[in-house]
C-alpha atoms as a PDB file:
ATOM      1  CA  GLU A   1      72.288 198.910 176.719  1.00  0.00           C
ATOM      2  CA  SER A   2      71.743 195.131 176.724  1.00  0.00           C
ATOM      3  CA  THR A   3      69.494 194.995 173.299  1.00  0.00           C
ATOM      4  CA  LEU A   4      72.339 197.431 171.791  1.00  0.00           C
ATOM      5  CA  GLU A   5      75.232 195.356 172.796  1.00  0.00           C
ATOM      6  CA  LEU A   6      73.358 192.090 171.276  1.00  0.00           C
ATOM      7  CA  ALA A   7      71.872 193.869 168.106  1.00  0.00           C
ATOM      8  CA  ALA A   8      75.492 195.491 167.348  1.00  0.00           C
ATOM      9  CA  LEU A   9      77.391 192.372 167.900  1.00  0.00           C
ATOM     10  CA  ALA A  10      74.333 190.518 166.114  1.00  0.00           C
ATOM     11  CA  ALA A  11      74.814 193.004 163.136  1.00  0.00           C
ATOM     12  CA  VAL A  12      78.398 192.333 162.668  1.00  0.00           C
ATOM     13  CA  PHE A  13      78.336 189.126 162.612  1.00  0.00           C
ATOM     14  CA  MET A  14      75.569 188.786 160.192  1.00  0.00           C
ATOM     15  CA  ILE A  15      77.510 191.324 157.849  1.00  0.00           C
ATOM     16  CA  VAL A  16      80.668 189.103 157.973  1.00  0.00           C
ATOM     17  CA  LEU A  17      79.391 185.673 157.481  1.00  0.00           C
ATOM     18  CA  GLY A  18      76.724 187.365 155.234  1.00  0.00           C
ATOM     19  CA  PHE A  19      79.846 188.295 152.792  1.00  0.00           C
ATOM     20  CA  VAL A  20      81.730 185.206 153.732  1.00  0.00           C
ATOM     21  CA  LEU A  21      78.889 182.671 152.561  1.00  0.00           C
ATOM     22  CA  GLY A  22      77.833 184.851 149.343  1.00  0.00           C
ATOM     23  CA  VAL A  23      81.470 185.151 148.103  1.00  0.00           C
ATOM     24  CA  LEU A  24      82.163 181.815 148.681  1.00  0.00           C
ATOM     25  CA  GLY A  25      78.287 180.686 146.875  1.00  0.00           C
ATOM     26  CA  GLY A  26      79.581 183.392 144.005  1.00  0.00           C
ATOM     27  CA  SER A  27      82.762 181.971 143.529  1.00  0.00           C
ATOM     28  CA  LYS A  28      83.943 178.872 141.423  1.00  0.00           C
ATOM     29  CA  LEU A  29      83.861 175.689 143.754  1.00  0.00           C
ATOM     30  CA  SER A  30      84.183 172.236 143.326  1.00  0.00           C
ATOM     31  CA  LYS A  31      81.104 169.803 142.592  1.00  0.00           C
ATOM     32  CA  TRP A  32      81.159 168.799 146.520  1.00  0.00           C
ATOM     33  CA  GLY A  33      82.442 172.070 147.679  1.00  0.00           C
ATOM     34  CA  ARG A  34      78.909 173.641 145.704  1.00  0.00           C
ATOM     35  CA  ALA A  35      77.021 170.970 147.750  1.00  0.00           C
ATOM     36  CA  LEU A  36      78.001 171.263 150.889  1.00  0.00           C
ATOM     37  CA  LEU A  37      77.616 174.918 150.725  1.00  0.00           C
ATOM     38  CA  ASP A  38      74.141 174.813 149.243  1.00  0.00           C
ATOM     39  CA  THR A  39      73.174 172.212 152.028  1.00  0.00           C
ATOM     40  CA  PHE A  40      74.521 174.590 154.869  1.00  0.00           C
ATOM     41  CA  ASN A  41      72.753 177.543 153.445  1.00  0.00           C
ATOM     42  CA  THR A  42      69.339 175.967 153.452  1.00  0.00           C
ATOM     43  CA  ALA A  43      69.638 174.189 156.446  1.00  0.00           C
ATOM     44  CA  ILE A  44      70.301 177.919 157.685  1.00  0.00           C
ATOM     45  CA  LEU A  45      67.930 179.683 156.162  1.00  0.00           C
ATOM     46  CA  SER A  46      64.967 177.093 157.272  1.00  0.00           C
ATOM     47  CA  MET A  47      65.820 177.469 161.183  1.00  0.00           C
ATOM     48  CA  PRO A  48      64.348 180.131 162.567  1.00  0.00           C
ATOM     49  CA  PRO A  49      66.514 182.192 165.220  1.00  0.00           C
ATOM     50  CA  PHE A  50      64.863 180.745 168.334  1.00  0.00           C
ATOM     51  CA  LEU A  51      65.255 176.875 167.236  1.00  0.00           C
ATOM     52  CA  VAL A  52      69.036 178.236 166.141  1.00  0.00           C
ATOM     53  CA  ALA A  53      69.277 179.140 169.982  1.00  0.00           C
ATOM     54  CA  ILE A  54      68.337 175.793 171.094  1.00  0.00           C
ATOM     55  CA  VAL A  55      70.658 174.071 168.826  1.00  0.00           C
ATOM     56  CA  LEU A  56      73.697 176.689 170.281  1.00  0.00           C
ATOM     57  CA  ILE A  57      72.943 175.912 173.847  1.00  0.00           C
ATOM     58  CA  LEU A  58      72.805 172.247 173.616  1.00  0.00           C
ATOM     59  CA  VAL A  59      75.875 172.048 171.434  1.00  0.00           C
ATOM     60  CA  PHE A  60      78.211 174.588 173.208  1.00  0.00           C
ATOM     61  CA  GLY A  61      76.451 175.018 176.397  1.00  0.00           C
ATOM     62  CA  ILE A  62      75.290 171.709 177.704  1.00  0.00           C
ATOM     63  CA  TRP A  63      77.501 169.568 175.432  1.00  0.00           C
ATOM     64  CA  LEU A  64      80.912 171.438 175.045  1.00  0.00           C
ATOM     65  CA  ARG A  65      80.646 173.611 178.317  1.00  0.00           C
ATOM     66  CA  LEU A  66      82.787 176.316 176.205  1.00  0.00           C
ATOM     67  CA  LEU A  67      80.318 179.191 176.650  1.00  0.00           C
ATOM     68  CA  PRO A  68      77.761 180.537 179.382  1.00  0.00           C
ATOM     69  CA  VAL A  69      73.906 180.088 178.361  1.00  0.00           C
ATOM     70  CA  SER A  70      71.978 182.521 180.523  1.00  0.00           C
ATOM     71  CA  GLY A  71      72.668 185.719 182.511  1.00  0.00           C
ATOM     72  CA  GLU A  72      74.690 188.604 181.300  1.00  0.00           C
ATOM     73  CA  VAL A  73      77.969 190.924 182.210  1.00  0.00           C
ATOM     74  CA  PRO A  74      77.798 194.350 180.752  1.00  0.00           C
ATOM     75  CA  LEU A  75      80.322 194.952 178.488  1.00  0.00           C
ATOM     76  CA  SER A  76      81.334 198.019 180.176  1.00  0.00           C
ATOM     77  CA  LEU A  77      82.118 196.388 183.340  1.00  0.00           C
ATOM     78  CA  ASP A  78      83.838 193.342 182.178  1.00  0.00           C
ATOM     79  CA  PHE A  79      84.485 193.193 178.118  1.00  0.00           C
ATOM     80  CA  GLY A  80      86.072 189.799 178.288  1.00  0.00           C
ATOM     81  CA  ARG A  81      83.052 188.164 180.308  1.00  0.00           C
ATOM     82  CA  GLY A  82      80.170 190.316 178.704  1.00  0.00           C
ATOM     83  CA  LEU A  83      81.752 189.157 175.495  1.00  0.00           C
ATOM     84  CA  GLN A  84      81.526 185.321 176.570  1.00  0.00           C
ATOM     85  CA  TYR A  85      77.792 186.274 177.461  1.00  0.00           C
ATOM     86  CA  LEU A  86      76.857 187.802 174.104  1.00  0.00           C
ATOM     87  CA  LEU A  87      78.357 185.362 171.994  1.00  0.00           C
ATOM     88  CA  LEU A  88      75.898 182.506 171.757  1.00  0.00           C
ATOM     89  CA  PRO A  89      72.656 184.872 171.794  1.00  0.00           C
ATOM     90  CA  ALA A  90      74.659 187.386 168.588  1.00  0.00           C
ATOM     91  CA  ILE A  91      75.188 183.945 166.648  1.00  0.00           C
ATOM     92  CA  SER A  92      71.843 182.729 167.295  1.00  0.00           C
ATOM     93  CA  LEU A  93      70.279 186.100 165.863  1.00  0.00           C
ATOM     94  CA  ALA A  94      72.429 186.808 162.731  1.00  0.00           C
ATOM     95  CA  LEU A  95      72.728 183.161 161.419  1.00  0.00           C
ATOM     96  CA  THR A  96      69.566 183.019 159.750  1.00  0.00           C
ATOM     97  CA  GLN A  97      69.865 186.874 158.475  1.00  0.00           C
ATOM     98  CA  ALA A  98      73.544 185.812 157.463  1.00  0.00           C
ATOM     99  CA  ALA A  99      72.172 183.262 155.110  1.00  0.00           C
ATOM    100  CA  VAL A 100      69.956 185.261 153.628  1.00  0.00           C
ATOM    101  CA  ILE A 101      72.576 187.881 152.775  1.00  0.00           C
ATOM    102  CA  GLY A 102      74.668 185.243 151.466  1.00  0.00           C
ATOM    103  CA  ARG A 103      71.825 183.943 149.145  1.00  0.00           C
ATOM    104  CA  LEU A 104      71.267 187.235 147.588  1.00  0.00           C
ATOM    105  CA  LEU A 105      74.898 188.080 147.056  1.00  0.00           C
ATOM    106  CA  GLN A 106      75.628 184.760 146.007  1.00  0.00           C
ATOM    107  CA  THR A 107      72.416 184.893 143.288  1.00  0.00           C
ATOM    108  CA  SER A 108      74.116 188.482 142.234  1.00  0.00           C
ATOM    109  CA  MET A 109      77.403 187.576 141.775  1.00  0.00           C
ATOM    110  CA  SER A 110      76.527 184.401 139.375  1.00  0.00           C
ATOM    111  CA  THR A 111      74.436 186.733 137.372  1.00  0.00           C
ATOM    112  CA  THR A 112      77.389 189.410 136.620  1.00  0.00           C
ATOM    113  CA  ARG A 113      79.551 186.576 135.854  1.00  0.00           C
ATOM    114  CA  GLY A 114      77.725 185.841 132.899  1.00  0.00           C
ATOM    115  CA  GLU A 115      78.361 189.786 131.785  1.00  0.00           C
ATOM    116  CA  GLU A 116      80.154 190.884 129.076  1.00  0.00           C
ATOM    117  CA  PHE A 117      83.058 192.564 131.101  1.00  0.00           C
ATOM    118  CA  VAL A 118      83.571 189.820 133.459  1.00  0.00           C
ATOM    119  CA  ASP A 119      84.587 187.844 130.067  1.00  0.00           C
ATOM    120  CA  LEU A 120      86.219 190.659 128.956  1.00  0.00           C
ATOM    121  CA  ALA A 121      88.440 190.748 132.080  1.00  0.00           C
ATOM    122  CA  THR A 122      88.981 186.662 131.579  1.00  0.00           C
ATOM    123  CA  ALA A 123      89.930 186.955 128.013  1.00  0.00           C
ATOM    124  CA  LYS A 124      92.560 189.944 129.023  1.00  0.00           C
ATOM    125  CA  GLY A 125      94.010 187.109 131.332  1.00  0.00           C
ATOM    126  CA  ALA A 126      93.044 188.247 134.784  1.00  0.00           C
ATOM    127  CA  SER A 127      93.097 185.813 137.559  1.00  0.00           C
ATOM    128  CA  LEU A 128      90.115 184.183 138.788  1.00  0.00           C
ATOM    129  CA  ALA A 129      90.968 185.752 142.332  1.00  0.00           C
ATOM    130  CA  ARG A 130      91.066 189.389 140.508  1.00  0.00           C
ATOM    131  CA  VAL A 131      88.029 188.733 138.114  1.00  0.00           C
ATOM    132  CA  THR A 132      85.980 187.642 141.171  1.00  0.00           C
ATOM    133  CA  TYR A 133      86.901 190.542 144.088  1.00  0.00           C
ATOM    134  CA  ARG A 134      87.704 193.427 141.050  1.00  0.00           C
ATOM    135  CA  HIS A 135      85.333 192.897 138.970  1.00  0.00           C
ATOM    136  CA  VAL A 136      82.339 190.749 140.128  1.00  0.00           C
ATOM    137  CA  LEU A 137      82.040 191.554 143.417  1.00  0.00           C
ATOM    138  CA  PRO A 138      82.153 195.517 143.425  1.00  0.00           C
ATOM    139  CA  ALA A 139      79.153 195.179 140.801  1.00  0.00           C
ATOM    140  CA  SER A 140      76.987 192.565 143.291  1.00  0.00           C
ATOM    141  CA  LEU A 141      77.020 194.673 146.233  1.00  0.00           C
ATOM    142  CA  ASP A 142      73.831 196.598 145.448  1.00  0.00           C
ATOM    143  CA  THR A 143      71.418 193.634 146.489  1.00  0.00           C
ATOM    144  CA  ALA A 144      73.402 192.456 149.777  1.00  0.00           C
ATOM    145  CA  ILE A 145      73.932 196.142 150.942  1.00  0.00           C
ATOM    146  CA  VAL A 146      70.190 197.017 150.558  1.00  0.00           C
ATOM    147  CA  ALA A 147      69.312 193.576 152.546  1.00  0.00           C
ATOM    148  CA  VAL A 148      71.830 194.379 155.266  1.00  0.00           C
ATOM    149  CA  GLY A 149      69.825 197.746 156.026  1.00  0.00           C
ATOM    150  CA  LEU A 150      66.520 195.721 155.904  1.00  0.00           C
ATOM    151  CA  ARG A 151      67.785 192.760 158.509  1.00  0.00           C
ATOM    152  CA  ILE A 152      69.162 195.239 161.289  1.00  0.00           C
ATOM    153  CA  GLY A 153      65.671 196.656 161.569  1.00  0.00           C
ATOM    154  CA  GLU A 154      65.007 192.632 161.939  1.00  0.00           C
ATOM    155  CA  LEU A 155      67.771 191.996 164.383  1.00  0.00           C
ATOM    156  CA  ILE A 156      66.115 194.339 166.968  1.00  0.00           C
ATOM    157  CA  SER A 157      62.677 192.635 166.898  1.00  0.00           C
ATOM    158  CA  GLY A 158      64.259 189.511 167.131  1.00  0.00           C
ATOM    159  CA  ALA A 159      66.264 190.628 170.114  1.00  0.00           C
ATOM    160  CA  ILE A 160      63.141 190.045 172.085  1.00  0.00           C
ATOM    161  CA  ILE A 161      62.726 186.432 171.642  1.00  0.00           C
ATOM    162  CA  ILE A 162      66.464 185.893 172.134  1.00  0.00           C
ATOM    163  CA  GLU A 163      66.371 188.118 175.206  1.00  0.00           C
ATOM    164  CA  GLN A 164      64.300 185.435 176.739  1.00  0.00           C
ATOM    165  CA  ILE A 165      65.804 182.476 175.850  1.00  0.00           C
ATOM    166  CA  PHE A 166      69.205 183.728 177.092  1.00  0.00           C
ATOM    167  CA  ALA A 167      67.539 185.056 180.285  1.00  0.00           C
ATOM    168  CA  ARG A 168      69.084 188.591 179.252  1.00  0.00           C
ATOM    169  CA  SER A 169      67.312 192.096 180.367  1.00  0.00           C
ATOM    170  CA  GLY A 170      66.475 194.662 177.826  1.00  0.00           C
ATOM    171  CA  LEU A 171      64.118 195.277 175.455  1.00  0.00           C
ATOM    172  CA  GLY A 172      62.751 191.925 175.410  1.00  0.00           C
ATOM    173  CA  SER A 173      61.933 192.002 178.863  1.00  0.00           C
ATOM    174  CA  LEU A 174      60.900 195.551 179.121  1.00  0.00           C
ATOM    175  CA  ALA A 175      58.023 194.674 176.414  1.00  0.00           C
ATOM    176  CA  ILE A 176      56.689 191.786 177.697  1.00  0.00           C
ATOM    177  CA  GLN A 177      56.378 193.802 181.065  1.00  0.00           C
ATOM    178  CA  ALA A 178      54.790 196.627 179.254  1.00  0.00           C
ATOM    179  CA  VAL A 179      52.287 193.653 177.889  1.00  0.00           C
ATOM    180  CA  ASP A 180      51.604 192.250 180.888  1.00  0.00           C
ATOM    181  CA  ASN A 181      50.889 195.818 182.571  1.00  0.00           C
ATOM    182  CA  ARG A 182      48.920 197.169 179.914  1.00  0.00           C
ATOM    183  CA  ASP A 183      51.254 199.864 179.573  1.00  0.00           C
ATOM    184  CA  TYR A 184      50.200 201.353 176.344  1.00  0.00           C
ATOM    185  CA  PHE A 185      52.516 204.268 175.814  1.00  0.00           C
ATOM    186  CA  LEU A 186      55.593 202.042 176.638  1.00  0.00           C
ATOM    187  CA  ILE A 187      54.358 199.370 173.889  1.00  0.00           C
ATOM    188  CA  GLN A 188      54.162 202.800 171.688  1.00  0.00           C
ATOM    189  CA  ALA A 189      57.300 203.904 172.128  1.00  0.00           C
ATOM    190  CA  LEU A 190      59.262 200.697 171.576  1.00  0.00           C
ATOM    191  CA  ILE A 191      57.723 199.885 168.455  1.00  0.00           C
ATOM    192  CA  ILE A 192      58.392 203.525 167.177  1.00  0.00           C
ATOM    193  CA  GLY A 193      62.070 203.161 168.263  1.00  0.00           C
ATOM    194  CA  ALA A 194      62.351 199.850 166.488  1.00  0.00           C
ATOM    195  CA  VAL A 195      60.713 201.294 163.445  1.00  0.00           C
ATOM    196  CA  PHE A 196      63.008 204.418 163.670  1.00  0.00           C
ATOM    197  CA  ILE A 197      66.238 202.170 163.859  1.00  0.00           C
ATOM    198  CA  ALA A 198      64.871 199.995 160.968  1.00  0.00           C
ATOM    199  CA  VAL A 199      64.350 203.379 158.657  1.00  0.00           C
ATOM    200  CA  LEU A 200      67.550 204.933 159.964  1.00  0.00           C
ATOM    201  CA  SER A 201      69.514 201.904 158.496  1.00  0.00           C
ATOM    202  CA  GLN A 202      67.738 201.648 155.583  1.00  0.00           C
ATOM    203  CA  VAL A 203      68.680 204.796 154.489  1.00  0.00           C
ATOM    204  CA  ILE A 204      71.930 204.532 155.494  1.00  0.00           C
ATOM    205  CA  SER A 205      72.520 201.284 153.495  1.00  0.00           C
ATOM    206  CA  GLU A 206      70.907 203.502 150.396  1.00  0.00           C
ATOM    207  CA  ILE A 207      74.002 206.257 150.635  1.00  0.00           C
ATOM    208  CA  ALA A 208      76.699 203.062 151.343  1.00  0.00           C
ATOM    209  CA  MET A 209      75.189 201.641 148.074  1.00  0.00           C
ATOM    210  CA  ALA A 210      75.362 204.773 145.937  1.00  0.00           C
ATOM    211  CA  ALA A 211      78.962 205.711 147.172  1.00  0.00           C
ATOM    212  CA  ILE A 212      80.087 202.182 146.575  1.00  0.00           C
ATOM    213  CA  ASP A 213      78.457 202.025 142.933  1.00  0.00           C
ATOM    214  CA  PRO A 214      78.592 205.147 140.887  1.00  0.00           C
ATOM    215  CA  ARG A 215      75.684 203.755 138.638  1.00  0.00           C
ATOM    216  CA  VAL A 216      73.533 204.672 141.967  1.00  0.00           C
ATOM    217  CA  ARG A 217      72.358 207.822 142.085  1.00  0.00           C
ATOM    218  CA  LEU A 218      70.104 209.043 144.856  1.00  0.00           C
ATOM    219  CA  GLU A 219      66.873 210.805 144.243  1.00  0.00           C
ATOM    220  CA  SER A 220      66.460 214.368 145.604  1.00  0.00           C
END
């Protein structure tokens, strides 16, 4: 339950932050805005999740003392406190993946802006916001949606390390105990479960991509 809560909230953060970064990057920005966004994206992309976790612990847990840095409270028992204990681990797990999705969406939107239908919409007098959100963004979602499906599987595996950093119980501690006890059947079950979730999320992303983009059709 603990790992599923962490992975689910991390997936929400990853999707929201990734699409926000991608849309901002694929929009018309000033020179300084572009430089600031690219610098932020590059910095996040270069940081593995465990390093993000350490930075967040130092800033929000030790210096500002805003959020707890270890332990857990199940959401089913106390949603408010449980969410406080989940925020830092979920953001640590999601931030790097969100930067990847954002960079892919930004690149796709930049390429789409060179298409003829975008020039036609601009020539007809459509506003910049309408061109971006009505024409450019829907045609650029394919790569980002596929990336989301791939990254959700990575969130499950990354949760093992993040759970240890924030002293949370879950599949991470269970996997380490299985390795220490040489419980190969449990290790195999955990690996198969992670692979199943990764494959399922990828299939769902393919179906979602076909539903959103009429140009895409799933092969039987």
